[in-house]
Amino acid sequence: MLDDRGTSGGPLSPEERALVMRTAVAYSLAGDDAALQRLRTRFQATMNDSPDARAFSVVTGRTDQQGVAFQDLAKSIAAVDTLQAFMADLKKQGAAN
């Protein structure tokens, strides 16, 4: 979905950053260090210049070294995604009425 956005230059949109973060969390929860390394290599420069720099660093760290910081971050990302989905559904219902 992000094609060459990690290497094409320019900042990522908030939606693109959220997609990168969700992908990193999924790879991390799966224990897929190789996929995390590829993601980190592809998006590190762009994410380092974003408000999500610290979170990206924590989530894309080695899965055996993430600990409590990762768990807290994964919970907050999941909560934001849940809230955004709820708000989108609420807006759709309001537009239908």
PDB file of N, CA and C in Angstrom:
ATOM      1  N   MET A   1       0.806  -1.202   0.000  1.00  0.00           N
ATOM      2  CA  MET A   1       0.000   0.000   0.000  1.00  0.00           C
ATOM      3  C   MET A   1       0.850   1.268   0.000  1.00  0.00           C
ATOM      4  N   LEU A   2       2.066   1.146   0.498  1.00  0.00           N
ATOM      5  CA  LEU A   2       2.924   2.324   0.567  1.00  0.00           C
ATOM      6  C   LEU A   2       3.918   2.405  -0.583  1.00  0.00           C
ATOM      7  N   ASP A   3       3.924   1.413  -1.443  1.00  0.00           N
ATOM      8  CA  ASP A   3       4.826   1.371  -2.598  1.00  0.00           C
ATOM      9  C   ASP A   3       6.231   1.828  -2.218  1.00  0.00           C
ATOM     10  N   ASP A   4       6.694   2.922  -2.816  1.00  0.00           N
ATOM     11  CA  ASP A   4       8.057   3.390  -2.570  1.00  0.00           C
ATOM     12  C   ASP A   4       8.110   4.577  -1.607  1.00  0.00           C
ATOM     13  N   ARG A   5       7.083   4.764  -0.796  1.00  0.00           N
ATOM     14  CA  ARG A   5       7.028   5.933   0.081  1.00  0.00           C
ATOM     15  C   ARG A   5       8.204   6.006   1.056  1.00  0.00           C
ATOM     16  N   GLY A   6       8.763   4.901   1.435  1.00  0.00           N
ATOM     17  CA  GLY A   6       9.890   4.922   2.356  1.00  0.00           C
ATOM     18  C   GLY A   6      11.149   5.487   1.747  1.00  0.00           C
ATOM     19  N   THR A   7      11.247   5.429   0.435  1.00  0.00           N
ATOM     20  CA  THR A   7      12.463   5.883  -0.239  1.00  0.00           C
ATOM     21  C   THR A   7      12.235   7.042  -1.190  1.00  0.00           C
ATOM     22  N   SER A   8      10.984   7.469  -1.368  1.00  0.00           N
ATOM     23  CA  SER A   8      10.697   8.507  -2.359  1.00  0.00           C
ATOM     24  C   SER A   8      10.895   9.917  -1.827  1.00  0.00           C
ATOM     25  N   GLY A   9      11.183  10.055  -0.552  1.00  0.00           N
ATOM     26  CA  GLY A   9      11.393  11.379   0.030  1.00  0.00           C
ATOM     27  C   GLY A   9      10.094  12.031   0.434  1.00  0.00           C
ATOM     28  N   GLY A  10      10.196  13.066   1.203  1.00  0.00           N
ATOM     29  CA  GLY A  10       9.028  13.766   1.698  1.00  0.00           C
ATOM     30  C   GLY A  10       8.432  13.056   2.899  1.00  0.00           C
ATOM     31  N   PRO A  11       7.773  13.828   3.735  1.00  0.00           N
ATOM     32  CA  PRO A  11       7.198  13.238   4.951  1.00  0.00           C
ATOM     33  C   PRO A  11       6.000  12.343   4.629  1.00  0.00           C
ATOM     34  N   LEU A  12       5.781  11.366   5.489  1.00  0.00           N
ATOM     35  CA  LEU A  12       4.614  10.500   5.369  1.00  0.00           C
ATOM     36  C   LEU A  12       3.408  11.206   5.978  1.00  0.00           C
ATOM     37  N   SER A  13       2.249  10.943   5.424  1.00  0.00           N
ATOM     38  CA  SER A  13       1.019  11.488   6.006  1.00  0.00           C
ATOM     39  C   SER A  13       0.732  10.747   7.314  1.00  0.00           C
ATOM     40  N   PRO A  14      -0.123  11.292   8.163  1.00  0.00           N
ATOM     41  CA  PRO A  14      -0.484  10.579   9.395  1.00  0.00           C
ATOM     42  C   PRO A  14      -1.042   9.181   9.118  1.00  0.00           C
ATOM     43  N   GLU A  15      -1.807   9.039   8.052  1.00  0.00           N
ATOM     44  CA  GLU A  15      -2.361   7.728   7.702  1.00  0.00           C
ATOM     45  C   GLU A  15      -1.257   6.757   7.292  1.00  0.00           C
ATOM     46  N   GLU A  16      -0.282   7.247   6.525  1.00  0.00           N
ATOM     47  CA  GLU A  16       0.829   6.396   6.105  1.00  0.00           C
ATOM     48  C   GLU A  16       1.679   5.990   7.308  1.00  0.00           C
ATOM     49  N   ARG A  17       1.932   6.934   8.217  1.00  0.00           N
ATOM     50  CA  ARG A  17       2.695   6.599   9.418  1.00  0.00           C
ATOM     51  C   ARG A  17       1.960   5.554  10.251  1.00  0.00           C
ATOM     52  N   ALA A  18       0.643   5.687  10.368  1.00  0.00           N
ATOM     53  CA  ALA A  18      -0.141   4.710  11.133  1.00  0.00           C
ATOM     54  C   ALA A  18      -0.038   3.332  10.490  1.00  0.00           C
ATOM     55  N   LEU A  19      -0.061   3.269   9.169  1.00  0.00           N
ATOM     56  CA  LEU A  19       0.055   1.991   8.468  1.00  0.00           C
ATOM     57  C   LEU A  19       1.431   1.365   8.711  1.00  0.00           C
ATOM     58  N   VAL A  20       2.472   2.180   8.660  1.00  0.00           N
ATOM     59  CA  VAL A  20       3.820   1.679   8.934  1.00  0.00           C
ATOM     60  C   VAL A  20       3.889   1.150  10.368  1.00  0.00           C
ATOM     61  N   MET A  21       3.323   1.882  11.311  1.00  0.00           N
ATOM     62  CA  MET A  21       3.355   1.450  12.713  1.00  0.00           C
ATOM     63  C   MET A  21       2.561   0.167  12.926  1.00  0.00           C
ATOM     64  N   ARG A  22       1.387   0.053  12.323  1.00  0.00           N
ATOM     65  CA  ARG A  22       0.600  -1.184  12.458  1.00  0.00           C
ATOM     66  C   ARG A  22       1.350  -2.371  11.856  1.00  0.00           C
ATOM     67  N   THR A  23       2.015  -2.144  10.739  1.00  0.00           N
ATOM     68  CA  THR A  23       2.798  -3.206  10.105  1.00  0.00           C
ATOM     69  C   THR A  23       3.943  -3.631  11.019  1.00  0.00           C
ATOM     70  N   ALA A  24       4.616  -2.661  11.605  1.00  0.00           N
ATOM     71  CA  ALA A  24       5.722  -2.971  12.521  1.00  0.00           C
ATOM     72  C   ALA A  24       5.229  -3.758  13.731  1.00  0.00           C
ATOM     73  N   VAL A  25       4.098  -3.362  14.287  1.00  0.00           N
ATOM     74  CA  VAL A  25       3.536  -4.084  15.439  1.00  0.00           C
ATOM     75  C   VAL A  25       3.201  -5.517  15.038  1.00  0.00           C
ATOM     76  N   ALA A  26       2.601  -5.700  13.873  1.00  0.00           N
ATOM     77  CA  ALA A  26       2.241  -7.046  13.418  1.00  0.00           C
ATOM     78  C   ALA A  26       3.489  -7.921  13.252  1.00  0.00           C
ATOM     79  N   TYR A  27       4.515  -7.388  12.612  1.00  0.00           N
ATOM     80  CA  TYR A  27       5.754  -8.154  12.443  1.00  0.00           C
ATOM     81  C   TYR A  27       6.375  -8.491  13.797  1.00  0.00           C
ATOM     82  N   SER A  28       6.343  -7.525  14.686  1.00  0.00           N
ATOM     83  CA  SER A  28       6.925  -7.732  15.994  1.00  0.00           C
ATOM     84  C   SER A  28       6.178  -8.793  16.785  1.00  0.00           C
ATOM     85  N   LEU A  29       4.858  -8.708  16.792  1.00  0.00           N
ATOM     86  CA  LEU A  29       4.066  -9.705  17.507  1.00  0.00           C
ATOM     87  C   LEU A  29       4.261 -11.097  16.911  1.00  0.00           C
ATOM     88  N   ALA A  30       4.541 -11.156  15.616  1.00  0.00           N
ATOM     89  CA  ALA A  30       4.789 -12.435  14.956  1.00  0.00           C
ATOM     90  C   ALA A  30       6.220 -12.925  15.194  1.00  0.00           C
ATOM     91  N   GLY A  31       7.050 -12.063  15.776  1.00  0.00           N
ATOM     92  CA  GLY A  31       8.440 -12.434  16.013  1.00  0.00           C
ATOM     93  C   GLY A  31       9.264 -12.502  14.735  1.00  0.00           C
ATOM     94  N   ASP A  32       8.854 -11.758  13.719  1.00  0.00           N
ATOM     95  CA  ASP A  32       9.516 -11.794  12.412  1.00  0.00           C
ATOM     96  C   ASP A  32      10.589 -10.701  12.340  1.00  0.00           C
ATOM     97  N   ASP A  33      11.763 -11.006  12.896  1.00  0.00           N
ATOM     98  CA  ASP A  33      12.851 -10.020  12.917  1.00  0.00           C
ATOM     99  C   ASP A  33      13.339  -9.648  11.526  1.00  0.00           C
ATOM    100  N   ALA A  34      13.294 -10.582  10.579  1.00  0.00           N
ATOM    101  CA  ALA A  34      13.735 -10.277   9.212  1.00  0.00           C
ATOM    102  C   ALA A  34      12.825  -9.236   8.574  1.00  0.00           C
ATOM    103  N   ALA A  35      11.509  -9.391   8.751  1.00  0.00           N
ATOM    104  CA  ALA A  35      10.568  -8.422   8.195  1.00  0.00           C
ATOM    105  C   ALA A  35      10.716  -7.073   8.897  1.00  0.00           C
ATOM    106  N   LEU A  36      10.950  -7.087  10.206  1.00  0.00           N
ATOM    107  CA  LEU A  36      11.167  -5.829  10.936  1.00  0.00           C
ATOM    108  C   LEU A  36      12.405  -5.113  10.413  1.00  0.00           C
ATOM    109  N   GLN A  37      13.464  -5.872  10.139  1.00  0.00           N
ATOM    110  CA  GLN A  37      14.692  -5.269   9.609  1.00  0.00           C
ATOM    111  C   GLN A  37      14.434  -4.619   8.251  1.00  0.00           C
ATOM    112  N   ARG A  38      13.687  -5.314   7.386  1.00  0.00           N
ATOM    113  CA  ARG A  38      13.365  -4.736   6.065  1.00  0.00           C
ATOM    114  C   ARG A  38      12.547  -3.456   6.222  1.00  0.00           C
ATOM    115  N   LEU A  39      11.551  -3.487   7.112  1.00  0.00           N
ATOM    116  CA  LEU A  39      10.705  -2.309   7.341  1.00  0.00           C
ATOM    117  C   LEU A  39      11.533  -1.156   7.903  1.00  0.00           C
ATOM    118  N   ARG A  40      12.385  -1.477   8.874  1.00  0.00           N
ATOM    119  CA  ARG A  40      13.238  -0.455   9.486  1.00  0.00           C
ATOM    120  C   ARG A  40      14.153   0.159   8.438  1.00  0.00           C
ATOM    121  N   THR A  41      14.766  -0.669   7.605  1.00  0.00           N
ATOM    122  CA  THR A  41      15.657  -0.169   6.556  1.00  0.00           C
ATOM    123  C   THR A  41      14.912   0.742   5.589  1.00  0.00           C
ATOM    124  N   ARG A  42      13.721   0.341   5.229  1.00  0.00           N
ATOM    125  CA  ARG A  42      12.937   1.082   4.233  1.00  0.00           C
ATOM    126  C   ARG A  42      12.400   2.409   4.775  1.00  0.00           C
ATOM    127  N   PHE A  43      11.974   2.428   6.048  1.00  0.00           N
ATOM    128  CA  PHE A  43      11.272   3.606   6.559  1.00  0.00           C
ATOM    129  C   PHE A  43      12.002   4.380   7.658  1.00  0.00           C
ATOM    130  N   GLN A  44      13.169   3.939   8.072  1.00  0.00           N
ATOM    131  CA  GLN A  44      13.834   4.586   9.197  1.00  0.00           C
ATOM    132  C   GLN A  44      14.076   6.074   8.974  1.00  0.00           C
ATOM    133  N   ALA A  45      14.583   6.447   7.830  1.00  0.00           N
ATOM    134  CA  ALA A  45      14.880   7.861   7.578  1.00  0.00           C
ATOM    135  C   ALA A  45      13.613   8.707   7.629  1.00  0.00           C
ATOM    136  N   THR A  46      12.547   8.224   7.020  1.00  0.00           N
ATOM    137  CA  THR A  46      11.297   9.003   6.994  1.00  0.00           C
ATOM    138  C   THR A  46      10.654   9.051   8.369  1.00  0.00           C
ATOM    139  N   MET A  47      10.683   7.928   9.070  1.00  0.00           N
ATOM    140  CA  MET A  47      10.052   7.881  10.396  1.00  0.00           C
ATOM    141  C   MET A  47      10.865   8.662  11.421  1.00  0.00           C
ATOM    142  N   ASN A  48      12.190   8.746  11.253  1.00  0.00           N
ATOM    143  CA  ASN A  48      13.016   9.511  12.193  1.00  0.00           C
ATOM    144  C   ASN A  48      12.679  10.989  12.171  1.00  0.00           C
ATOM    145  N   ASP A  49      12.128  11.468  11.066  1.00  0.00           N
ATOM    146  CA  ASP A  49      11.755  12.874  10.940  1.00  0.00           C
ATOM    147  C   ASP A  49      10.274  13.093  11.225  1.00  0.00           C
ATOM    148  N   SER A  50       9.658  12.144  11.922  1.00  0.00           N
ATOM    149  CA  SER A  50       8.215  12.238  12.176  1.00  0.00           C
ATOM    150  C   SER A  50       7.932  12.246  13.679  1.00  0.00           C
ATOM    151  N   PRO A  51       6.703  12.580  14.048  1.00  0.00           N
ATOM    152  CA  PRO A  51       6.328  12.529  15.460  1.00  0.00           C
ATOM    153  C   PRO A  51       6.362  11.106  16.028  1.00  0.00           C
ATOM    154  N   ASP A  52       6.434  10.100  15.164  1.00  0.00           N
ATOM    155  CA  ASP A  52       6.437   8.704  15.601  1.00  0.00           C
ATOM    156  C   ASP A  52       7.838   8.105  15.680  1.00  0.00           C
ATOM    157  N   ALA A  53       8.862   8.935  15.667  1.00  0.00           N
ATOM    158  CA  ALA A  53      10.243   8.442  15.617  1.00  0.00           C
ATOM    159  C   ALA A  53      10.562   7.492  16.769  1.00  0.00           C
ATOM    160  N   ARG A  54      10.264   7.889  17.990  1.00  0.00           N
ATOM    161  CA  ARG A  54      10.586   7.046  19.148  1.00  0.00           C
ATOM    162  C   ARG A  54       9.789   5.753  19.106  1.00  0.00           C
ATOM    163  N   ALA A  55       8.510   5.858  18.804  1.00  0.00           N
ATOM    164  CA  ALA A  55       7.652   4.666  18.753  1.00  0.00           C
ATOM    165  C   ALA A  55       8.152   3.698  17.688  1.00  0.00           C
ATOM    166  N   PHE A  56       8.531   4.215  16.533  1.00  0.00           N
ATOM    167  CA  PHE A  56       9.035   3.369  15.449  1.00  0.00           C
ATOM    168  C   PHE A  56      10.309   2.659  15.898  1.00  0.00           C
ATOM    169  N   SER A  57      11.176   3.367  16.575  1.00  0.00           N
ATOM    170  CA  SER A  57      12.413   2.768  17.066  1.00  0.00           C
ATOM    171  C   SER A  57      12.128   1.636  18.045  1.00  0.00           C
ATOM    172  N   VAL A  58      11.186   1.844  18.958  1.00  0.00           N
ATOM    173  CA  VAL A  58      10.845   0.817  19.941  1.00  0.00           C
ATOM    174  C   VAL A  58      10.226  -0.394  19.256  1.00  0.00           C
ATOM    175  N   VAL A  59       9.256  -0.151  18.389  1.00  0.00           N
ATOM    176  CA  VAL A  59       8.520  -1.255  17.763  1.00  0.00           C
ATOM    177  C   VAL A  59       9.394  -2.059  16.811  1.00  0.00           C
ATOM    178  N   THR A  60      10.327  -1.418  16.128  1.00  0.00           N
ATOM    179  CA  THR A  60      11.146  -2.143  15.161  1.00  0.00           C
ATOM    180  C   THR A  60      12.430  -2.680  15.765  1.00  0.00           C
ATOM    181  N   GLY A  61      12.599  -2.521  17.075  1.00  0.00           N
ATOM    182  CA  GLY A  61      13.755  -3.114  17.739  1.00  0.00           C
ATOM    183  C   GLY A  61      13.635  -4.625  17.730  1.00  0.00           C
ATOM    184  N   ARG A  62      14.700  -5.300  18.068  1.00  0.00           N
ATOM    185  CA  ARG A  62      14.666  -6.770  18.103  1.00  0.00           C
ATOM    186  C   ARG A  62      13.569  -7.231  19.040  1.00  0.00           C
ATOM    187  N   THR A  63      12.814  -8.219  18.616  1.00  0.00           N
ATOM    188  CA  THR A  63      11.648  -8.658  19.375  1.00  0.00           C
ATOM    189  C   THR A  63      12.011  -9.201  20.744  1.00  0.00           C
ATOM    190  N   ASP A  64      13.206  -9.733  20.913  1.00  0.00           N
ATOM    191  CA  ASP A  64      13.584 -10.274  22.218  1.00  0.00           C
ATOM    192  C   ASP A  64      14.074  -9.189  23.175  1.00  0.00           C
ATOM    193  N   GLN A  65      14.156  -7.945  22.722  1.00  0.00           N
ATOM    194  CA  GLN A  65      14.646  -6.863  23.570  1.00  0.00           C
ATOM    195  C   GLN A  65      13.621  -5.746  23.766  1.00  0.00           C
ATOM    196  N   GLN A  66      12.372  -5.944  23.354  1.00  0.00           N
ATOM    197  CA  GLN A  66      11.407  -4.851  23.389  1.00  0.00           C
ATOM    198  C   GLN A  66      10.790  -4.628  24.766  1.00  0.00           C
ATOM    199  N   GLY A  67      10.416  -5.662  25.455  1.00  0.00           N
ATOM    200  CA  GLY A  67       9.933  -5.569  26.819  1.00  0.00           C
ATOM    201  C   GLY A  67       8.703  -4.701  27.009  1.00  0.00           C
ATOM    202  N   VAL A  68       8.661  -4.063  28.170  1.00  0.00           N
ATOM    203  CA  VAL A  68       7.495  -3.300  28.609  1.00  0.00           C
ATOM    204  C   VAL A  68       7.212  -2.106  27.705  1.00  0.00           C
ATOM    205  N   ALA A  69       8.238  -1.436  27.222  1.00  0.00           N
ATOM    206  CA  ALA A  69       8.025  -0.264  26.365  1.00  0.00           C
ATOM    207  C   ALA A  69       7.221  -0.654  25.133  1.00  0.00           C
ATOM    208  N   PHE A  70       7.541  -1.804  24.546  1.00  0.00           N
ATOM    209  CA  PHE A  70       6.798  -2.252  23.375  1.00  0.00           C
ATOM    210  C   PHE A  70       5.365  -2.595  23.732  1.00  0.00           C
ATOM    211  N   GLN A  71       5.164  -3.306  24.814  1.00  0.00           N
ATOM    212  CA  GLN A  71       3.814  -3.696  25.214  1.00  0.00           C
ATOM    213  C   GLN A  71       2.926  -2.471  25.419  1.00  0.00           C
ATOM    214  N   ASP A  72       3.449  -1.463  26.095  1.00  0.00           N
ATOM    215  CA  ASP A  72       2.685  -0.234  26.309  1.00  0.00           C
ATOM    216  C   ASP A  72       2.381   0.465  24.995  1.00  0.00           C
ATOM    217  N   LEU A  73       3.358   0.507  24.114  1.00  0.00           N
ATOM    218  CA  LEU A  73       3.180   1.165  22.825  1.00  0.00           C
ATOM    219  C   LEU A  73       2.170   0.416  21.965  1.00  0.00           C
ATOM    220  N   ALA A  74       2.246  -0.903  21.934  1.00  0.00           N
ATOM    221  CA  ALA A  74       1.302  -1.705  21.150  1.00  0.00           C
ATOM    222  C   ALA A  74      -0.125  -1.484  21.644  1.00  0.00           C
ATOM    223  N   LYS A  75      -0.307  -1.390  22.953  1.00  0.00           N
ATOM    224  CA  LYS A  75      -1.641  -1.136  23.511  1.00  0.00           C
ATOM    225  C   LYS A  75      -2.163   0.228  23.069  1.00  0.00           C
ATOM    226  N   SER A  76      -1.305   1.232  23.083  1.00  0.00           N
ATOM    227  CA  SER A  76      -1.763   2.568  22.704  1.00  0.00           C
ATOM    228  C   SER A  76      -2.081   2.640  21.217  1.00  0.00           C
ATOM    229  N   ILE A  77      -1.301   1.957  20.378  1.00  0.00           N
ATOM    230  CA  ILE A  77      -1.580   1.935  18.937  1.00  0.00           C
ATOM    231  C   ILE A  77      -2.906   1.235  18.680  1.00  0.00           C
ATOM    232  N   ALA A  78      -3.138   0.127  19.368  1.00  0.00           N
ATOM    233  CA  ALA A  78      -4.404  -0.600  19.208  1.00  0.00           C
ATOM    234  C   ALA A  78      -5.576   0.255  19.658  1.00  0.00           C
ATOM    235  N   ALA A  79      -5.414   1.010  20.745  1.00  0.00           N
ATOM    236  CA  ALA A  79      -6.488   1.865  21.237  1.00  0.00           C
ATOM    237  C   ALA A  79      -6.811   2.972  20.242  1.00  0.00           C
ATOM    238  N   VAL A  80      -5.794   3.570  19.647  1.00  0.00           N
ATOM    239  CA  VAL A  80      -6.006   4.629  18.656  1.00  0.00           C
ATOM    240  C   VAL A  80      -6.729   4.071  17.440  1.00  0.00           C
ATOM    241  N   ASP A  81      -6.296   2.896  16.969  1.00  0.00           N
ATOM    242  CA  ASP A  81      -6.951   2.274  15.812  1.00  0.00           C
ATOM    243  C   ASP A  81      -8.415   1.979  16.112  1.00  0.00           C
ATOM    244  N   THR A  82      -8.696   1.484  17.306  1.00  0.00           N
ATOM    245  CA  THR A  82     -10.068   1.176  17.698  1.00  0.00           C
ATOM    246  C   THR A  82     -10.903   2.448  17.736  1.00  0.00           C
ATOM    247  N   LEU A  83     -10.367   3.509  18.307  1.00  0.00           N
ATOM    248  CA  LEU A  83     -11.085   4.778  18.382  1.00  0.00           C
ATOM    249  C   LEU A  83     -11.334   5.349  16.988  1.00  0.00           C
ATOM    250  N   GLN A  84     -10.335   5.283  16.122  1.00  0.00           N
ATOM    251  CA  GLN A  84     -10.505   5.801  14.761  1.00  0.00           C
ATOM    252  C   GLN A  84     -11.573   5.016  14.001  1.00  0.00           C
ATOM    253  N   ALA A  85     -11.592   3.706  14.175  1.00  0.00           N
ATOM    254  CA  ALA A  85     -12.612   2.889  13.510  1.00  0.00           C
ATOM    255  C   ALA A  85     -13.997   3.236  14.041  1.00  0.00           C
ATOM    256  N   PHE A  86     -14.109   3.419  15.341  1.00  0.00           N
ATOM    257  CA  PHE A  86     -15.386   3.794  15.946  1.00  0.00           C
ATOM    258  C   PHE A  86     -15.856   5.141  15.406  1.00  0.00           C
ATOM    259  N   MET A  87     -14.958   6.115  15.344  1.00  0.00           N
ATOM    260  CA  MET A  87     -15.323   7.446  14.867  1.00  0.00           C
ATOM    261  C   MET A  87     -15.735   7.410  13.392  1.00  0.00           C
ATOM    262  N   ALA A  88     -15.045   6.625  12.586  1.00  0.00           N
ATOM    263  CA  ALA A  88     -15.403   6.505  11.169  1.00  0.00           C
ATOM    264  C   ALA A  88     -16.792   5.903  11.022  1.00  0.00           C
ATOM    265  N   ASP A  89     -17.102   4.865  11.798  1.00  0.00           N
ATOM    266  CA  ASP A  89     -18.435   4.254  11.756  1.00  0.00           C
ATOM    267  C   ASP A  89     -19.500   5.239  12.200  1.00  0.00           C
ATOM    268  N   LEU A  90     -19.193   6.011  13.223  1.00  0.00           N
ATOM    269  CA  LEU A  90     -20.140   7.001  13.741  1.00  0.00           C
ATOM    270  C   LEU A  90     -20.427   8.065  12.681  1.00  0.00           C
ATOM    271  N   LYS A  91     -19.390   8.516  11.988  1.00  0.00           N
ATOM    272  CA  LYS A  91     -19.575   9.508  10.920  1.00  0.00           C
ATOM    273  C   LYS A  91     -20.418   8.944   9.792  1.00  0.00           C
ATOM    274  N   LYS A  92     -20.189   7.682   9.427  1.00  0.00           N
ATOM    275  CA  LYS A  92     -20.979   7.052   8.370  1.00  0.00           C
ATOM    276  C   LYS A  92     -22.445   6.982   8.766  1.00  0.00           C
ATOM    277  N   GLN A  93     -22.722   6.637  10.008  1.00  0.00           N
ATOM    278  CA  GLN A  93     -24.094   6.554  10.484  1.00  0.00           C
ATOM    279  C   GLN A  93     -24.754   7.923  10.465  1.00  0.00           C
ATOM    280  N   GLY A  94     -23.996   8.959  10.844  1.00  0.00           N
ATOM    281  CA  GLY A  94     -24.522  10.315  10.835  1.00  0.00           C
ATOM    282  C   GLY A  94     -24.823  10.799   9.417  1.00  0.00           C
ATOM    283  N   ALA A  95     -23.989  10.430   8.478  1.00  0.00           N
ATOM    284  CA  ALA A  95     -24.192  10.830   7.087  1.00  0.00           C
ATOM    285  C   ALA A  95     -25.381  10.090   6.472  1.00  0.00           C
ATOM    286  N   ALA A  96     -25.635   8.881   6.931  1.00  0.00           N
ATOM    287  CA  ALA A  96     -26.756   8.099   6.393  1.00  0.00           C
ATOM    288  C   ALA A  96     -28.105   8.605   6.902  1.00  0.00           C
ATOM    289  N   ASN A  97     -28.079   9.253   8.047  1.00  0.00           N
ATOM    290  CA  ASN A  97     -29.342   9.733   8.641  1.00  0.00           C
ATOM    291  C   ASN A  97     -29.686  11.081   8.158  1.00  0.00           C
TER     292      ASN A  97
END
